[in-house]
Amino acid sequence: MDALIQYFHNIGWLSLVDAAALLLFLVATMFFFFRKKNYRVGIFFVFYTLLVAGVDVCIAFFELRSIYFTREILRFGGVIFIVASAVVYQSDLKLLFAKFGGQNEENVYAKLHNTRNEDDLRYASGEIVKACQNLSKNNIGALIVVCPTIISSNMLDTGIRLNSILSAPLLESIFNTHAPLHDGAVIIKNNMVLAAGCFLPLSQNPAISKDLGTRHRAAIGITEESDVLTIVVSEETGIISLVQNGDIKRYITGEKLMDALDTAFGITDLSRRSSRQFGRSVKK
């Protein structure tokens, strides 16, 4: 008990700052793994961190010099775990750093990316729905990424930059099976098609149905890593699917797709009624 009291007496403000920083890092890492739905890895990280902290407490309180070597091994293992995680989730880290440095990127593309006229956004929603329905009828595969926030340049650089006004004929021509860019993803920001033929990270979630192919896995994978909405049209069945936050919903109707695009584009409730009306006219 005396050792415990003496230990708390010797705690300075720097130690408190270190403890707060460690706690913040622990919470952020837990949030990252749980957002990725890697619950086992997240729980393992928590228990490993508590184990290392417990060994440090035992050394500080009870002066157990015999476990110094154990502490060093555990710390070395922690470094290996962090390095391995950085390698496995390097694409996530790239997107994270892109968001931190996104102010400059947003300035560069401000004129192209930040159109917030709701008439343009409603028109863009209608054109996306129209293109998806036409592609679905003809069993032509498509993968469309709608970005509500800043886009990582790394994602755009995997394809061909277009920076073109969005239209249904443009989307249909891109995904034409004879077009050179039809295998990749189209990246959309507001009413602009920023890039086509982009390659997306595939989801490693083992729970995904084996019936879903590479295009669906890519759609799920990018939503696990960033705040985007993806639309998939199956070339085998013509089924339209919608993916957000790693969750896929299939058999999406034109009206449901319009509602999801309204939300992604930030269209107000008052204008959304006009958007739905436009969506029904497109469906006809």
Protein backbone atom coordinates (compact mmCIF):
# COMPACT_ATOMS: atom_id res chain seq x y z
CA MET A 1 0.00 0.00 0.00
CA ASP A 2 2.86 2.36 0.82
CA ALA A 3 4.36 1.68 -2.59
CA LEU A 4 1.03 2.49 -4.20
CA ILE A 5 0.68 5.78 -2.30
CA GLN A 6 4.27 6.72 -3.12
CA TYR A 7 3.65 5.92 -6.78
CA PHE A 8 0.69 8.30 -7.01
CA HIS A 9 2.67 10.99 -5.18
CA ASN A 10 5.36 10.77 -7.84
CA ILE A 11 2.96 11.14 -10.74
CA GLY A 12 3.57 14.42 -12.58
CA TRP A 13 1.63 16.22 -15.27
CA LEU A 14 3.78 14.68 -17.99
CA SER A 15 2.73 11.22 -16.84
CA LEU A 16 -0.90 12.28 -17.00
CA VAL A 17 -0.41 13.59 -20.52
CA ASP A 18 1.22 10.29 -21.50
CA ALA A 19 -1.68 8.35 -20.00
CA ALA A 20 -4.26 10.53 -21.77
CA ALA A 21 -2.45 10.13 -25.09
CA LEU A 22 -2.29 6.36 -24.64
CA LEU A 23 -5.99 6.23 -23.77
CA LEU A 24 -6.86 8.34 -26.83
CA PHE A 25 -4.77 6.07 -29.06
CA LEU A 26 -6.45 3.00 -27.58
CA VAL A 27 -9.96 4.38 -28.16
CA ALA A 28 -9.14 5.51 -31.71
CA THR A 29 -7.65 2.13 -32.60
CA MET A 30 -10.63 0.29 -31.12
CA PHE A 31 -12.99 2.51 -33.10
CA PHE A 32 -11.02 1.83 -36.28
CA PHE A 33 -11.13 -1.96 -35.95
CA PHE A 34 -14.76 -2.03 -34.89
CA ARG A 35 -15.72 0.26 -37.78
CA LYS A 36 -13.94 -2.22 -40.06
CA LYS A 37 -15.98 -4.95 -38.32
CA ASN A 38 -12.77 -6.73 -37.34
CA TYR A 39 -14.06 -7.36 -33.84
CA ARG A 40 -11.58 -10.12 -33.02
CA VAL A 41 -8.60 -7.96 -33.90
CA GLY A 42 -10.06 -5.06 -31.90
CA ILE A 43 -10.65 -7.23 -28.83
CA PHE A 44 -7.16 -8.75 -29.16
CA PHE A 45 -5.65 -5.25 -29.29
CA VAL A 46 -7.54 -4.18 -26.16
CA PHE A 47 -6.48 -7.23 -24.16
CA TYR A 48 -2.89 -6.96 -25.37
CA THR A 49 -2.73 -3.31 -24.35
CA LEU A 50 -4.20 -4.10 -20.93
CA LEU A 51 -1.66 -6.91 -20.53
CA VAL A 52 1.25 -4.58 -21.25
CA ALA A 53 -0.19 -1.97 -18.87
CA GLY A 54 -0.67 -4.64 -16.20
CA VAL A 55 2.97 -5.73 -16.46
CA ASP A 56 4.11 -2.10 -16.16
CA VAL A 57 1.93 -1.64 -13.07
CA CYS A 58 3.35 -4.80 -11.48
CA ILE A 59 6.90 -3.57 -12.08
CA ALA A 60 6.11 -0.11 -10.70
CA PHE A 61 4.16 -1.25 -7.64
CA PHE A 62 5.90 -4.46 -6.64
CA GLU A 63 9.36 -3.97 -8.22
CA LEU A 64 9.23 -7.36 -9.93
CA ARG A 65 12.53 -7.16 -11.77
CA SER A 66 12.11 -10.72 -12.99
CA ILE A 67 9.44 -9.65 -15.50
CA TYR A 68 11.45 -6.83 -17.10
CA PHE A 69 12.33 -9.16 -19.95
CA THR A 70 8.66 -10.09 -20.35
CA ARG A 71 7.74 -6.42 -20.63
CA GLU A 72 10.33 -5.86 -23.37
CA ILE A 73 9.03 -8.87 -25.31
CA LEU A 74 5.47 -7.60 -25.05
CA ARG A 75 6.47 -4.13 -26.19
CA PHE A 76 8.37 -5.58 -29.14
CA GLY A 77 5.29 -7.64 -30.00
CA GLY A 78 3.21 -4.49 -29.89
CA VAL A 79 5.53 -2.79 -32.36
CA ILE A 80 5.22 -5.78 -34.70
CA PHE A 81 1.43 -5.67 -34.37
CA ILE A 82 1.34 -1.96 -35.25
CA VAL A 83 3.65 -2.40 -38.25
CA ALA A 84 1.66 -5.40 -39.49
CA SER A 85 -1.60 -3.45 -39.15
CA ALA A 86 -0.09 -0.54 -41.09
CA VAL A 87 0.84 -2.92 -43.92
CA VAL A 88 -2.53 -4.68 -44.01
CA TYR A 89 -4.55 -1.46 -43.76
CA GLN A 90 -2.28 0.77 -45.81
CA SER A 91 -5.13 1.83 -48.09
CA ASP A 92 -7.14 2.96 -45.04
CA LEU A 93 -4.17 4.99 -43.82
CA LYS A 94 -3.79 6.63 -47.22
CA LEU A 95 -7.42 7.70 -47.12
CA LEU A 96 -7.02 8.90 -43.55
CA PHE A 97 -4.01 11.05 -44.40
CA ALA A 98 -5.82 12.30 -47.50
CA LYS A 99 -8.66 13.48 -45.27
CA PHE A 100 -6.22 15.25 -42.95
CA GLY A 101 -4.63 16.92 -45.96
CA GLY A 102 -7.90 17.31 -47.79
CA GLN A 103 -8.11 21.08 -47.51
CA ASN A 104 -5.55 21.60 -50.25
CA GLU A 105 -7.12 18.94 -52.42
CA GLU A 106 -10.51 20.49 -51.98
CA ASN A 107 -9.13 23.87 -53.03
CA VAL A 108 -7.71 22.37 -56.21
CA TYR A 109 -11.00 20.78 -57.23
CA ALA A 110 -13.33 23.31 -55.64
CA LYS A 111 -14.87 24.52 -58.88
CA LEU A 112 -15.50 20.98 -60.08
CA HIS A 113 -16.43 19.17 -56.89
CA ASN A 114 -18.43 21.59 -54.82
CA THR A 115 -21.45 22.37 -56.97
CA ARG A 116 -24.30 22.53 -54.48
CA ASN A 117 -27.11 23.77 -56.75
CA GLU A 118 -29.97 21.44 -55.84
CA ASP A 119 -31.42 21.54 -59.36
CA ASP A 120 -28.12 20.14 -60.65
CA LEU A 121 -28.07 17.52 -57.90
CA ARG A 122 -31.66 16.44 -58.60
CA TYR A 123 -30.83 16.17 -62.26
CA ALA A 124 -27.71 14.12 -61.41
CA SER A 125 -29.80 11.75 -59.26
CA GLY A 126 -32.26 11.23 -62.08
CA GLU A 127 -29.50 10.58 -64.61
CA ILE A 128 -27.87 7.99 -62.34
CA VAL A 129 -31.18 6.20 -61.80
CA LYS A 130 -31.96 6.30 -65.52
CA ALA A 131 -28.53 4.89 -66.42
CA CYS A 132 -28.74 2.12 -63.82
CA GLN A 133 -32.20 1.07 -65.00
CA ASN A 134 -31.09 0.98 -68.65
CA LEU A 135 -27.95 -0.97 -67.77
CA SER A 136 -30.02 -3.37 -65.65
CA LYS A 137 -32.47 -4.05 -68.50
CA ASN A 138 -29.59 -4.95 -70.80
CA ASN A 139 -27.64 -6.95 -68.18
CA ILE A 140 -24.64 -4.64 -68.42
CA GLY A 141 -22.44 -4.57 -65.33
CA ALA A 142 -21.68 -1.26 -63.61
CA LEU A 143 -19.96 0.02 -60.49
CA ILE A 144 -20.66 3.63 -59.45
CA VAL A 145 -19.14 5.39 -56.44
CA VAL A 146 -20.92 8.50 -55.15
CA CYS A 147 -18.71 10.58 -52.85
CA PRO A 148 -20.51 12.98 -50.48
CA THR A 149 -17.22 14.28 -49.06
CA ILE A 150 -13.65 14.90 -50.22
CA ILE A 151 -12.23 12.29 -52.57
CA SER A 152 -8.78 10.84 -52.13
CA SER A 153 -6.58 11.55 -55.14
CA ASN A 154 -5.19 8.02 -54.73
CA MET A 155 -8.57 6.63 -55.70
CA LEU A 156 -8.86 8.89 -58.74
CA ASP A 157 -5.34 8.13 -59.90
CA THR A 158 -6.16 4.44 -60.34
CA GLY A 159 -8.36 5.34 -63.32
CA ILE A 160 -8.72 7.99 -66.02
CA ARG A 161 -9.78 11.46 -64.91
CA LEU A 162 -12.73 12.85 -66.87
CA ASN A 163 -14.10 15.83 -64.89
CA SER A 164 -17.25 15.75 -67.03
CA ILE A 165 -20.84 16.77 -66.37
CA LEU A 166 -22.80 13.70 -65.32
CA SER A 167 -25.39 12.29 -67.72
CA ALA A 168 -27.06 8.95 -68.30
CA PRO A 169 -25.63 8.53 -71.84
CA LEU A 170 -22.13 9.17 -70.49
CA LEU A 171 -22.49 6.50 -67.80
CA GLU A 172 -23.98 4.02 -70.25
CA SER A 173 -21.18 4.61 -72.75
CA ILE A 174 -18.52 4.12 -70.06
CA PHE A 175 -19.97 0.76 -69.00
CA ASN A 176 -20.53 -0.44 -72.56
CA THR A 177 -18.79 -3.82 -72.72
CA HIS A 178 -16.75 -2.66 -75.71
CA ALA A 179 -15.50 0.45 -73.92
CA PRO A 180 -11.96 0.32 -72.46
CA LEU A 181 -13.06 1.62 -69.03
CA HIS A 182 -16.09 -0.63 -68.44
CA ASP A 183 -14.34 -2.96 -65.97
CA GLY A 184 -13.50 -0.27 -63.42
CA ALA A 185 -15.53 2.03 -61.19
CA VAL A 186 -16.91 5.46 -62.00
CA ILE A 187 -16.30 8.11 -59.33
CA ILE A 188 -19.00 10.77 -58.97
CA LYS A 189 -18.94 13.93 -56.88
CA ASN A 190 -22.10 16.03 -56.97
CA ASN A 191 -23.02 16.37 -60.68
CA MET A 192 -19.52 15.56 -61.97
CA VAL A 193 -18.00 12.32 -63.23
CA LEU A 194 -14.48 12.75 -61.90
CA ALA A 195 -12.88 9.51 -63.10
CA ALA A 196 -13.66 6.17 -64.73
CA GLY A 197 -11.94 2.80 -64.84
CA CYS A 198 -10.87 3.14 -61.20
CA PHE A 199 -9.75 0.14 -59.17
CA LEU A 200 -11.17 -0.27 -55.68
CA PRO A 201 -9.96 -2.38 -52.74
CA LEU A 202 -11.76 -5.69 -52.40
CA SER A 203 -13.51 -6.53 -49.15
CA GLN A 204 -11.92 -9.34 -47.15
CA ASN A 205 -15.08 -9.99 -45.13
CA PRO A 206 -15.55 -13.80 -45.09
CA ALA A 207 -19.29 -13.38 -44.45
CA ILE A 208 -19.92 -12.06 -47.97
CA SER A 209 -21.97 -14.45 -50.08
CA LYS A 210 -20.00 -16.55 -52.54
CA ASP A 211 -22.58 -15.63 -55.17
CA LEU A 212 -21.22 -12.06 -55.25
CA GLY A 213 -18.37 -11.43 -57.65
CA THR A 214 -15.42 -9.07 -57.79
CA ARG A 215 -17.52 -6.02 -58.66
CA HIS A 216 -19.68 -6.46 -55.55
CA ARG A 217 -16.66 -7.14 -53.34
CA ALA A 218 -15.05 -3.93 -54.59
CA ALA A 219 -18.24 -2.00 -53.88
CA ILE A 220 -18.32 -3.34 -50.32
CA GLY A 221 -14.58 -2.83 -49.81
CA ILE A 222 -14.54 0.89 -50.61
CA THR A 223 -17.52 1.56 -48.32
CA GLU A 224 -15.70 -0.20 -45.47
CA GLU A 225 -12.84 2.28 -45.85
CA SER A 226 -14.52 5.58 -46.67
CA ASP A 227 -17.82 7.43 -46.41
CA VAL A 228 -19.18 6.74 -49.89
CA LEU A 229 -22.26 5.24 -51.50
CA THR A 230 -21.75 2.58 -54.16
CA ILE A 231 -24.18 1.27 -56.75
CA VAL A 232 -23.66 -2.09 -58.45
CA VAL A 233 -25.48 -3.46 -61.49
CA SER A 234 -24.93 -7.17 -61.99
CA GLU A 235 -24.10 -8.19 -65.54
CA GLU A 236 -25.38 -11.75 -64.88
CA THR A 237 -28.80 -10.91 -63.42
CA GLY A 238 -29.27 -7.17 -63.93
CA ILE A 239 -29.96 -6.78 -60.19
CA ILE A 240 -29.22 -3.30 -58.81
CA SER A 241 -27.51 -3.28 -55.41
CA LEU A 242 -26.75 -0.46 -53.00
CA VAL A 243 -23.81 -0.51 -50.56
CA GLN A 244 -23.14 1.74 -47.56
CA ASN A 245 -20.85 1.18 -44.58
CA GLY A 246 -20.00 -2.32 -45.76
CA ASP A 247 -23.67 -3.41 -45.89
CA ILE A 248 -25.12 -4.44 -49.24
CA LYS A 249 -28.82 -4.28 -50.15
CA ARG A 250 -29.96 -5.98 -53.33
CA TYR A 251 -33.03 -5.66 -55.57
CA ILE A 252 -33.05 -1.86 -55.28
CA THR A 253 -35.89 -0.11 -57.07
CA GLY A 254 -35.56 3.21 -58.85
CA GLU A 255 -37.39 5.03 -56.07
CA LYS A 256 -35.19 3.56 -53.32
CA LEU A 257 -32.10 4.42 -55.32
CA MET A 258 -33.36 7.98 -55.76
CA ASP A 259 -33.94 8.31 -52.01
CA ALA A 260 -30.40 7.07 -51.26
CA LEU A 261 -28.91 9.51 -53.78
CA ASP A 262 -30.97 12.37 -52.31
CA THR A 263 -29.46 11.63 -48.91
CA ALA A 264 -25.94 11.28 -50.31
CA PHE A 265 -26.20 14.56 -52.20
CA GLY A 266 -27.68 16.35 -49.18
CA ILE A 267 -30.87 17.38 -50.94
CA THR A 268 -33.31 18.99 -48.50
CA ASP A 269 -36.63 17.40 -47.59
CA LEU A 270 -38.54 20.14 -49.42
CA SER A 271 -36.64 19.51 -52.63
CA ARG A 272 -36.69 15.76 -52.14
CA ARG A 273 -40.37 15.63 -53.08
CA SER A 274 -39.49 17.08 -56.46
CA SER A 275 -36.65 14.58 -56.71
CA ARG A 276 -38.98 11.65 -56.13
CA GLN A 277 -41.44 13.01 -58.65
CA PHE A 278 -38.61 13.27 -61.15
CA GLY A 279 -37.49 9.77 -60.28
CA ARG A 280 -40.92 8.31 -61.04
CA SER A 281 -41.02 10.10 -64.39
CA VAL A 282 -37.60 8.67 -65.19
CA LYS A 283 -38.79 5.16 -64.31
CA LYS A 284 -41.61 5.43 -66.79
